[in-house]
Protein backbone atom coordinates (compact mmCIF):
# COMPACT_ATOMS: atom_id res chain seq x y z
CA UNK A 1 1.10 -0.16 1.13
CA UNK A 2 -2.37 -0.14 2.54
CA UNK A 3 -2.58 -3.46 4.32
CA UNK A 4 -0.83 -3.76 0.85
CA UNK A 5 2.21 -1.84 2.55
CA UNK A 6 3.49 -4.68 4.88
CA UNK A 7 7.07 -4.03 3.89
CA UNK A 8 9.17 -6.37 6.29
CA UNK A 9 7.53 -4.49 9.15
CA UNK A 10 7.83 -5.61 12.81
CA UNK A 11 6.69 -8.74 14.03
CA UNK A 12 3.49 -9.09 15.79
CA UNK A 13 5.52 -9.61 19.25
CA UNK A 14 7.36 -6.85 18.75
CA UNK A 15 4.03 -4.52 18.19
CA UNK A 16 2.12 -6.49 20.84
CA UNK A 17 5.19 -5.43 23.14
CA UNK A 18 5.26 -2.00 21.89
CA UNK A 19 1.53 -1.72 22.55
CA UNK A 20 1.93 -2.81 26.12
CA UNK A 21 4.81 0.18 26.55
CA UNK A 22 2.50 2.61 25.30
CA UNK A 23 -0.77 1.67 27.27
CA UNK A 24 1.25 1.67 30.47
CA UNK A 25 4.39 4.13 30.07
CA UNK A 26 3.21 6.52 27.35
CA UNK A 27 5.05 7.22 24.11
CA UNK A 28 8.84 6.37 24.48
CA UNK A 29 10.75 9.30 23.23
CA UNK A 30 8.35 11.87 24.36
CA UNK A 31 7.56 12.97 27.80
CA UNK A 32 4.01 14.34 26.88
CA UNK A 33 4.98 17.57 28.91
CA UNK A 34 5.67 19.40 25.96
CA UNK A 35 2.52 18.49 23.54
CA UNK A 36 0.04 20.80 23.21
CA UNK A 37 2.33 24.14 23.87
CA UNK A 38 2.30 24.84 20.32
CA UNK A 39 6.21 24.53 20.12
CA UNK A 40 6.16 20.57 19.71
CA UNK A 41 4.86 18.50 16.45
CA UNK A 42 4.86 15.03 17.26
CA UNK A 43 4.75 12.97 14.26
CA UNK A 44 4.77 9.17 13.53
CA UNK A 45 5.26 7.32 10.58
CA UNK A 46 6.50 4.04 9.41
CA UNK A 47 8.85 4.93 6.11
CA UNK A 48 12.50 3.67 5.77
CA UNK A 49 15.16 6.43 5.99
CA UNK A 50 16.57 5.22 2.70
CA UNK A 51 12.92 5.14 0.70
CA UNK A 52 11.76 7.72 -1.40
CA UNK A 53 8.98 8.78 1.07
CA UNK A 54 11.71 8.68 4.08
CA UNK A 55 13.80 11.12 2.27
CA UNK A 56 11.00 13.34 1.61
CA UNK A 57 9.59 13.61 4.82
CA UNK A 58 13.18 14.14 6.46
CA UNK A 59 13.32 17.06 4.35
CA UNK A 60 9.92 18.54 5.10
CA UNK A 61 10.64 17.92 8.88
CA UNK A 62 13.50 20.51 7.81
CA UNK A 63 11.65 22.52 5.85
CA UNK A 64 8.86 22.86 8.38
CA UNK A 65 11.50 23.52 11.52
CA UNK A 66 13.01 26.43 9.03
CA UNK A 67 9.51 27.80 8.43
CA UNK A 68 8.35 27.56 12.35
CA UNK A 69 10.99 29.08 14.49
CA UNK A 70 11.27 27.62 17.88
CA UNK A 71 9.28 24.78 16.84
CA UNK A 72 10.64 21.17 17.30
CA UNK A 73 9.39 18.08 15.15
CA UNK A 74 9.24 15.24 18.05
CA UNK A 75 9.54 12.33 15.23
CA UNK A 76 9.27 8.55 16.11
CA UNK A 77 9.66 5.88 13.53
CA UNK A 78 6.87 3.24 14.01
CA UNK A 79 6.60 -0.21 12.21
CA UNK A 80 4.00 -0.47 9.97
CA UNK A 81 2.27 -3.79 11.95
CA UNK A 82 3.08 -1.40 14.92
CA UNK A 83 0.78 1.05 14.06
CA UNK A 84 -1.90 -1.06 12.38
CA UNK A 85 -2.21 -3.29 15.80
CA UNK A 86 -2.21 -0.22 17.95
CA UNK A 87 -3.66 3.00 16.53
CA UNK A 88 -7.11 2.12 18.04
CA UNK A 89 -5.81 2.01 21.13
CA UNK A 90 -3.14 4.67 21.54
CA UNK A 91 -5.54 7.63 19.46
CA UNK A 92 -8.10 6.71 22.36
CA UNK A 93 -5.55 7.71 24.97
CA UNK A 94 -4.04 10.70 26.12
CA UNK A 95 -0.87 9.71 24.28
CA UNK A 96 -2.01 10.14 20.63
CA UNK A 97 0.41 12.12 18.31
CA UNK A 98 -0.38 15.29 16.33
CA UNK A 99 0.18 13.72 13.17
CA UNK A 100 0.48 10.20 11.69
CA UNK A 101 0.77 8.22 9.08
CA UNK A 102 -2.01 5.57 8.66
CA UNK A 103 -3.31 2.94 6.26
CA UNK A 104 -6.10 3.90 4.03
CA UNK A 105 -9.18 1.95 3.05
CA UNK A 106 -12.38 1.09 4.98
CA UNK A 107 -10.90 -1.40 7.43
CA UNK A 108 -8.37 0.97 8.70
CA UNK A 109 -8.60 4.71 8.48
CA UNK A 110 -12.43 4.04 7.95
CA UNK A 111 -12.79 2.32 10.90
CA UNK A 112 -11.02 4.98 12.82
CA UNK A 113 -13.26 7.61 11.39
CA UNK A 114 -16.69 5.93 12.40
CA UNK A 115 -15.20 5.46 15.88
CA UNK A 116 -14.46 9.01 16.10
CA UNK A 117 -10.70 8.73 16.71
CA UNK A 118 -9.50 10.86 13.89
CA UNK A 119 -10.10 14.91 13.26
CA UNK A 120 -12.69 16.07 10.15
CA UNK A 121 -10.01 17.83 7.69
CA UNK A 122 -12.61 18.71 5.37
CA UNK A 123 -12.59 22.43 5.87
CA UNK A 124 -8.60 22.25 5.89
CA UNK A 125 -8.62 20.39 2.78
CA UNK A 126 -10.78 23.19 0.98
CA UNK A 127 -9.04 25.89 2.57
CA UNK A 128 -5.46 24.77 1.77
CA UNK A 129 -6.27 23.49 -1.67
CA UNK A 130 -5.68 19.61 -0.77
CA UNK A 131 -8.76 18.78 -2.81
CA UNK A 132 -7.44 20.39 -5.86
CA UNK A 133 -3.83 18.78 -6.16
CA UNK A 134 -5.43 14.83 -6.08
CA UNK A 135 -7.12 13.20 -8.90
CA UNK A 136 -10.66 11.90 -8.27
CA UNK A 137 -8.61 8.12 -8.20
CA UNK A 138 -6.42 9.41 -5.31
CA UNK A 139 -8.77 11.42 -3.08
CA UNK A 140 -10.88 8.26 -3.06
CA UNK A 141 -9.29 7.12 -0.15
CA UNK A 142 -8.94 10.76 1.52
CA UNK A 143 -13.09 10.60 2.39
CA UNK A 144 -15.37 8.37 4.36
CA UNK A 145 -19.08 8.34 5.06
CA UNK A 146 -20.67 8.15 8.38
CA UNK A 147 -20.42 4.23 8.26
CA UNK A 148 -16.49 4.47 7.63
CA UNK A 149 -16.98 3.76 3.71
CA UNK A 150 -14.22 5.48 1.47
CA UNK A 151 -15.15 7.40 -1.35
CA UNK A 152 -17.53 9.85 -0.41
CA UNK A 153 -18.26 12.04 3.23
CA UNK A 154 -15.95 13.97 4.97
CA UNK A 155 -12.09 13.91 4.52
CA UNK A 156 -10.20 11.68 7.22
CA UNK A 157 -7.11 11.85 5.32
CA UNK A 158 -4.33 13.29 3.09
CA UNK A 159 -2.07 10.98 0.81
CA UNK A 160 0.84 12.79 -0.73
CA UNK A 161 1.92 9.93 -2.60
CA UNK A 162 0.14 7.55 -5.00
CA UNK A 163 1.06 3.77 -5.54
CA UNK A 164 0.29 1.21 -7.65
CA UNK A 165 1.35 -2.64 -8.50
CA UNK A 166 3.37 -3.61 -11.43
CA UNK A 167 5.79 -6.27 -12.76
CA UNK A 168 9.08 -5.83 -11.86
CA UNK A 169 11.59 -7.63 -14.52
CA UNK A 170 15.12 -8.95 -14.18
CA UNK A 171 16.28 -7.98 -17.69
CA UNK A 172 19.52 -10.14 -17.11
CA UNK A 173 17.54 -13.11 -16.53
CA UNK A 174 15.20 -12.64 -19.47
CA UNK A 175 18.47 -12.35 -21.48
CA UNK A 176 20.60 -15.22 -20.04
CA UNK A 177 17.83 -17.79 -20.81
CA UNK A 178 16.58 -16.08 -24.26
CA UNK A 179 13.16 -15.29 -22.80
CA UNK A 180 11.24 -12.47 -24.63
CA UNK A 181 9.94 -9.84 -21.90
CA UNK A 182 6.29 -10.07 -22.22
CA UNK A 183 4.13 -7.24 -23.57
CA UNK A 184 0.77 -9.43 -23.26
CA UNK A 185 -0.76 -11.95 -20.83
CA UNK A 186 -0.24 -14.63 -23.31
CA UNK A 187 3.39 -13.67 -23.82
CA UNK A 188 3.68 -13.74 -20.23
CA UNK A 189 2.22 -17.18 -19.75
CA UNK A 190 4.65 -18.42 -22.44
CA UNK A 191 7.77 -16.54 -20.41
CA UNK A 192 6.41 -18.42 -17.13
CA UNK A 193 6.40 -21.60 -19.15
CA UNK A 194 10.03 -20.98 -20.67
CA UNK A 195 11.43 -20.23 -17.36
CA UNK A 196 10.13 -23.32 -15.83
CA UNK A 197 11.58 -25.48 -18.86
CA UNK A 198 14.89 -24.32 -18.16
CA UNK A 199 14.69 -25.33 -14.28
CA UNK A 200 13.85 -21.39 -12.88
CA UNK A 201 10.97 -20.62 -10.87
CA UNK A 202 9.76 -17.32 -12.51
CA UNK A 203 7.76 -15.67 -10.01
CA UNK A 204 8.83 -14.30 -6.43
CA UNK A 205 6.01 -14.90 -3.99
CA UNK A 206 5.18 -14.70 -0.40
CA UNK A 207 2.26 -16.48 0.80
CA UNK A 208 2.64 -15.36 4.57
CA UNK A 209 1.46 -11.82 3.79
CA UNK A 210 0.21 -9.57 0.82
CA UNK A 211 2.09 -10.65 -1.97
CA UNK A 212 0.37 -14.01 -2.83
CA UNK A 213 -3.32 -12.82 -2.49
CA UNK A 214 -2.36 -9.71 -4.66
CA UNK A 215 -1.56 -11.89 -7.47
CA UNK A 216 -5.21 -13.47 -7.21
CA UNK A 217 -6.55 -10.00 -7.13
CA UNK A 218 -4.74 -8.81 -9.99
CA UNK A 219 -5.54 -11.81 -12.20
CA UNK A 220 -9.48 -11.13 -11.23
CA UNK A 221 -8.88 -7.67 -12.24
CA UNK A 222 -7.78 -8.94 -15.45
CA UNK A 223 -11.54 -10.29 -16.18
CA UNK A 224 -13.18 -7.37 -14.29
CA UNK A 225 -14.41 -3.92 -15.15
CA UNK A 226 -15.19 -0.86 -12.76
CA UNK A 227 -18.68 -2.07 -11.69
CA UNK A 228 -16.69 -5.29 -10.36
CA UNK A 229 -14.52 -2.73 -8.11
CA UNK A 230 -17.10 -0.66 -7.07
CA UNK A 231 -19.51 -3.74 -5.71
CA UNK A 232 -16.71 -4.72 -4.00
CA UNK A 233 -14.85 -2.14 -2.60
CA UNK A 234 -17.29 0.38 -1.88
CA UNK A 235 -20.72 -1.84 -1.46
CA UNK A 236 -22.03 -0.70 -4.53
CA UNK A 237 -23.54 -3.88 -5.39
CA UNK A 238 -23.11 -7.65 -4.05
CA UNK A 239 -19.80 -9.04 -4.78
CA UNK A 240 -19.89 -13.20 -6.16
CA UNK A 241 -16.99 -14.90 -5.43
CA UNK A 242 -17.94 -17.47 -7.87
CA UNK A 243 -18.25 -15.29 -10.72
CA UNK A 244 -16.28 -15.36 -14.00
CA UNK A 245 -13.43 -13.10 -12.71
CA UNK A 246 -12.91 -14.38 -9.00
CA UNK A 247 -13.25 -17.84 -10.73
CA UNK A 248 -10.55 -17.15 -13.32
CA UNK A 249 -8.42 -16.21 -10.80
CA UNK A 250 -8.39 -18.83 -8.22
CA UNK A 251 -7.95 -21.42 -10.85
CA UNK A 252 -5.50 -19.91 -12.48
CA UNK A 253 -3.21 -19.12 -9.30
CA UNK A 254 -3.67 -22.42 -8.66
CA UNK A 255 -2.42 -23.69 -11.77
CA UNK A 256 0.80 -21.54 -11.50
CA UNK A 257 1.40 -23.03 -8.32
CA UNK A 258 0.84 -26.87 -9.74
CA UNK A 259 2.98 -26.14 -12.68
CA UNK A 260 5.94 -24.95 -10.67
CA UNK A 261 5.65 -20.98 -11.79
CA UNK A 262 5.15 -20.24 -8.19
CA UNK A 263 7.10 -22.26 -5.57
CA UNK A 264 4.86 -24.21 -2.82
CA UNK A 265 7.60 -23.26 -0.57
CA UNK A 266 6.78 -19.61 -0.44
CA UNK A 267 3.61 -20.23 0.93
CA UNK A 268 5.25 -19.33 4.68
CA UNK A 269 7.34 -16.86 3.05
CA UNK A 270 7.26 -13.06 4.12
CA UNK A 271 7.02 -10.13 1.72
CA UNK A 272 10.10 -9.22 2.71
CA UNK A 273 11.90 -12.53 1.69
CA UNK A 274 10.34 -11.95 -1.65
CA UNK A 275 11.91 -8.75 -2.28
CA UNK A 276 15.23 -9.60 -1.05
CA UNK A 277 14.95 -12.98 -3.27
CA UNK A 278 14.37 -10.41 -6.28
CA UNK A 279 17.24 -8.22 -5.16
CA UNK A 280 19.56 -11.18 -5.32
CA UNK A 281 18.62 -12.18 -8.37
CA UNK A 282 16.90 -15.25 -7.98
CA UNK A 283 13.76 -14.50 -9.46
CA UNK A 284 13.23 -13.23 -13.02
CA UNK A 285 9.78 -11.35 -12.05
CA UNK A 286 8.09 -10.11 -9.14
CA UNK A 287 4.26 -8.21 -9.26
CA UNK A 288 4.22 -6.18 -6.25
CA UNK A 289 4.18 -2.34 -5.33
CA UNK A 290 5.79 0.86 -6.38
CA UNK A 291 6.61 0.53 -2.38
CA UNK A 292 9.47 -1.40 -3.49
CA UNK A 293 10.81 0.83 -6.35
CA UNK A 294 13.28 2.91 -4.62
CA UNK A 295 14.69 0.00 -2.54
CA UNK A 296 15.41 -1.65 -5.61
CA UNK A 297 17.09 1.48 -6.84
CA UNK A 298 19.59 1.38 -3.76
CA UNK A 299 20.39 -2.01 -3.55
CA UNK A 300 20.13 -3.87 -6.81
CA UNK A 301 23.45 -3.46 -8.72
CA UNK A 302 24.37 -6.56 -9.98
CA UNK A 303 21.97 -6.97 -12.65
CA UNK A 304 19.46 -4.42 -15.07
CA UNK A 305 15.74 -4.21 -14.24
CA UNK A 306 12.60 -2.49 -15.40
CA UNK A 307 8.72 -2.00 -14.80
CA UNK A 308 5.94 -2.57 -16.46
CA UNK A 309 2.01 -2.82 -15.68
CA UNK A 310 0.64 -6.22 -15.67
CA UNK A 311 -0.03 -6.81 -19.36
CA UNK A 312 -3.94 -6.98 -21.27
CA UNK A 313 -5.69 -5.61 -18.10
CA UNK A 314 -7.11 -1.53 -17.63
CA UNK A 315 -7.32 -2.58 -13.67
CA UNK A 316 -4.62 -3.08 -11.38
CA UNK A 317 -4.28 -2.62 -7.46
CA UNK A 318 -3.25 0.89 -6.58
CA UNK A 319 -4.29 3.97 -4.71
CA UNK A 320 -3.33 7.16 -3.12
CA UNK A 321 -0.38 6.40 -1.05
CA UNK A 322 -1.16 6.02 3.01
CA UNK A 323 -2.60 8.77 4.83
CA UNK A 324 -1.60 11.75 7.04
CA UNK A 325 -4.26 11.63 9.83
CA UNK A 326 -4.65 13.80 12.43
CA UNK A 327 -6.16 12.26 15.63
CA UNK A 328 -9.10 13.68 17.14
CA UNK A 329 -7.25 13.94 20.71
CA UNK A 330 -4.12 15.77 18.92
CA UNK A 331 -3.02 18.62 20.86
CA UNK A 332 -1.21 20.89 18.34
CA UNK A 333 -3.58 20.47 15.51
CA UNK A 334 -2.75 23.44 13.54
CA UNK A 335 1.09 22.49 13.48
CA UNK A 336 -0.16 19.04 11.68
CA UNK A 337 -1.80 20.95 9.50
CA UNK A 338 0.86 23.00 8.28
CA UNK A 339 3.14 19.91 8.04
CA UNK A 340 0.57 18.21 5.77
CA UNK A 341 0.68 21.66 3.81
CA UNK A 342 4.85 20.99 3.12
CA UNK A 343 4.71 17.43 2.12
CA UNK A 344 2.12 18.66 -0.90
CA UNK A 345 4.85 21.34 -1.84
CA UNK A 346 6.22 20.73 -5.25
CA UNK A 347 9.74 20.76 -3.86
CA UNK A 348 9.14 18.22 -1.34
CA UNK A 349 7.22 16.00 -4.34
CA UNK A 350 9.90 16.40 -6.36
CA UNK A 351 12.38 14.95 -3.77
CA UNK A 352 9.76 11.84 -3.74
CA UNK A 353 9.48 11.80 -7.53
CA UNK A 354 13.47 11.12 -8.06
CA UNK A 355 13.87 9.18 -5.07
CA UNK A 356 11.41 6.51 -6.38
CA UNK A 357 8.12 7.37 -5.06
CA UNK A 358 5.23 8.26 -7.16
CA UNK A 359 4.26 11.96 -6.42
CA UNK A 360 0.43 13.62 -6.50
CA UNK A 361 1.57 17.25 -7.01
CA UNK A 362 5.52 17.54 -8.52
CA UNK A 363 6.42 19.44 -11.35
CA UNK A 364 6.85 17.06 -14.40
CA UNK A 365 10.15 18.68 -15.76
CA UNK A 366 11.75 18.31 -12.40
CA UNK A 367 11.62 14.44 -12.37
CA UNK A 368 15.17 13.93 -14.27
CA UNK A 369 15.64 10.03 -13.63
CA UNK A 370 14.62 7.79 -16.25
CA UNK A 371 13.16 4.92 -14.39
CA UNK A 372 11.38 7.06 -12.21
CA UNK A 373 9.59 8.98 -15.03
CA UNK A 374 8.81 5.76 -16.20
CA UNK A 375 6.96 4.91 -12.91
CA UNK A 376 5.22 7.89 -12.98
CA UNK A 377 4.20 7.63 -16.42
CA UNK A 378 2.70 4.03 -16.18
CA UNK A 379 0.77 5.27 -12.86
CA UNK A 380 -0.73 8.39 -14.87
CA UNK A 381 -2.14 5.80 -17.61
CA UNK A 382 -3.87 3.91 -14.90
CA UNK A 383 -5.00 6.94 -12.86
CA UNK A 384 -6.35 8.61 -16.40
CA UNK A 385 -8.20 5.51 -17.27
CA UNK A 386 -9.59 5.38 -13.73
CA UNK A 387 -8.08 1.94 -13.28
CA UNK A 388 -6.81 2.11 -9.56
CA UNK A 389 -8.82 -0.80 -8.22
CA UNK A 390 -7.36 -0.76 -4.41
CA UNK A 391 -6.39 -3.60 -2.60
CA UNK A 392 -8.10 -6.90 -1.80
CA UNK A 393 -8.20 -7.01 1.76
CA UNK A 394 -9.46 -3.08 2.17
CA UNK A 395 -13.55 -3.85 1.90
CA UNK A 396 -14.18 -5.52 5.65
CA UNK A 397 -12.53 -5.35 8.75
CA UNK A 398 -10.08 -8.39 9.42
CA UNK A 399 -10.49 -9.36 5.81
CA UNK A 400 -6.51 -9.34 5.28
CA UNK A 401 -5.88 -12.17 8.03
CA UNK A 402 -8.55 -14.12 6.06
CA UNK A 403 -7.14 -13.36 2.56
CA UNK A 404 -3.57 -14.76 3.83
CA UNK A 405 -4.65 -17.78 5.22
CA UNK A 406 -6.89 -18.91 2.65
CA UNK A 407 -4.62 -18.16 -0.34
CA UNK A 408 -1.92 -20.18 1.84
CA UNK A 409 -4.32 -22.99 1.65
CA UNK A 410 -4.83 -22.88 -2.22
CA UNK A 411 -1.23 -22.89 -2.56
CA UNK A 412 -0.61 -25.91 -0.63
CA UNK A 413 -3.37 -27.43 -2.05
CA UNK A 414 -5.55 -27.98 1.38
CA UNK A 415 -7.89 -25.98 -0.10
CA UNK A 416 -9.90 -26.20 -3.91
CA UNK A 417 -10.34 -22.94 -5.69
CA UNK A 418 -14.36 -23.49 -5.02
CA UNK A 419 -13.36 -23.91 -1.25
CA UNK A 420 -11.25 -21.25 -1.42
CA UNK A 421 -13.67 -18.87 -3.30
CA UNK A 422 -16.47 -19.73 -0.59
CA UNK A 423 -14.36 -19.06 2.30
CA UNK A 424 -13.52 -15.44 1.08
CA UNK A 425 -17.31 -15.08 0.23
CA UNK A 426 -18.30 -15.97 4.01
CA UNK A 427 -15.66 -13.66 5.63
CA UNK A 428 -16.55 -10.94 3.05
CA UNK A 429 -20.35 -11.26 4.00
CA UNK A 430 -20.03 -11.52 7.64
CA UNK A 431 -18.15 -8.05 7.74
CA UNK A 432 -19.66 -6.05 5.14
CA UNK A 433 -22.66 -3.63 5.77
CA UNK A 434 -25.87 -5.22 6.05
CA UNK A 435 -28.35 -3.82 3.37
């Protein structure tokens, strides 16, 4: 997800309420007394039970308890936003779990590593072979330098799945309105115009969370190369938000809103609303992440759908999945390392792959579902060409909120493309490391 994974997570009020509860009374569901005895693994993650990762991790818990007689996993399901908002406070307290799922990137895992709140996993990664199971593009988000910048330095997290963005198509709507499913970008814009001419808004969207600014970033990536990504994400150069790629992206996105390809009314919508609207058959196209895939397989029953990569772009949003991180204050670190090991085993990875996830260490022959094979094959294409470009909110702390608010202004017309890009430049420069 990445901050990219705000999939219908807890509301801020609930997160803050949870933070207050944690601060005053400790973690609900655990008395804390069993922690540190070698008999309890306290685990937090925010995957839905019927999603690919949720199902895989449930099996991993069973396997862990089977292979660790007398050890109990105390699992607590958390909301994405709850962990996002409260992790620094919780991890700096006596109530830190032994293992939790956390968002990857400079502004999240990188920030916590810099603050000394996460365990250095470098020795374990080498000894247990985690480093051998992950490709270079996926491994990028595991390692952080002394400044919390991803891509080099020590291991502070382990992704055991991968994720990327793609085009989800409602094939029935394409057929109903006699529109060809596009295989090139020019065909995509033709399809958008054709749907609009028939009174159909073609693109599902959500301006109050990640989907809107991910459209913008993907448009920029379609005109960019690896040096653009390295400058923006890894500070290997100075990004210019008035360059050709960003200018094209902002102008094209604003044009699509003006033409009605994206509804202005979705400026206040959440990601969950966009996903549910696609599930209901309201929109022919949703551009979003592989995290929706398992849910769509479970919930879409009334129409045929498929996925494909964004046309005519070597780069797309994506990375290794969210990370298993071990808090520096964890009391049962060895148990945490053992659990990570289990989630990396082929059996668990195969479950992940056959339920709509993108595994990093599965047996390809064990993936029997046709749609899942397409999902995984498309990811392999992107990874093999070094096309993972991460997510737009990663580079600096607080940038996600800036992207949301400024992209909403671009949608509603209260900011021009130029004003939008200048606002992003100002916020990025304020948060990026000073050379």
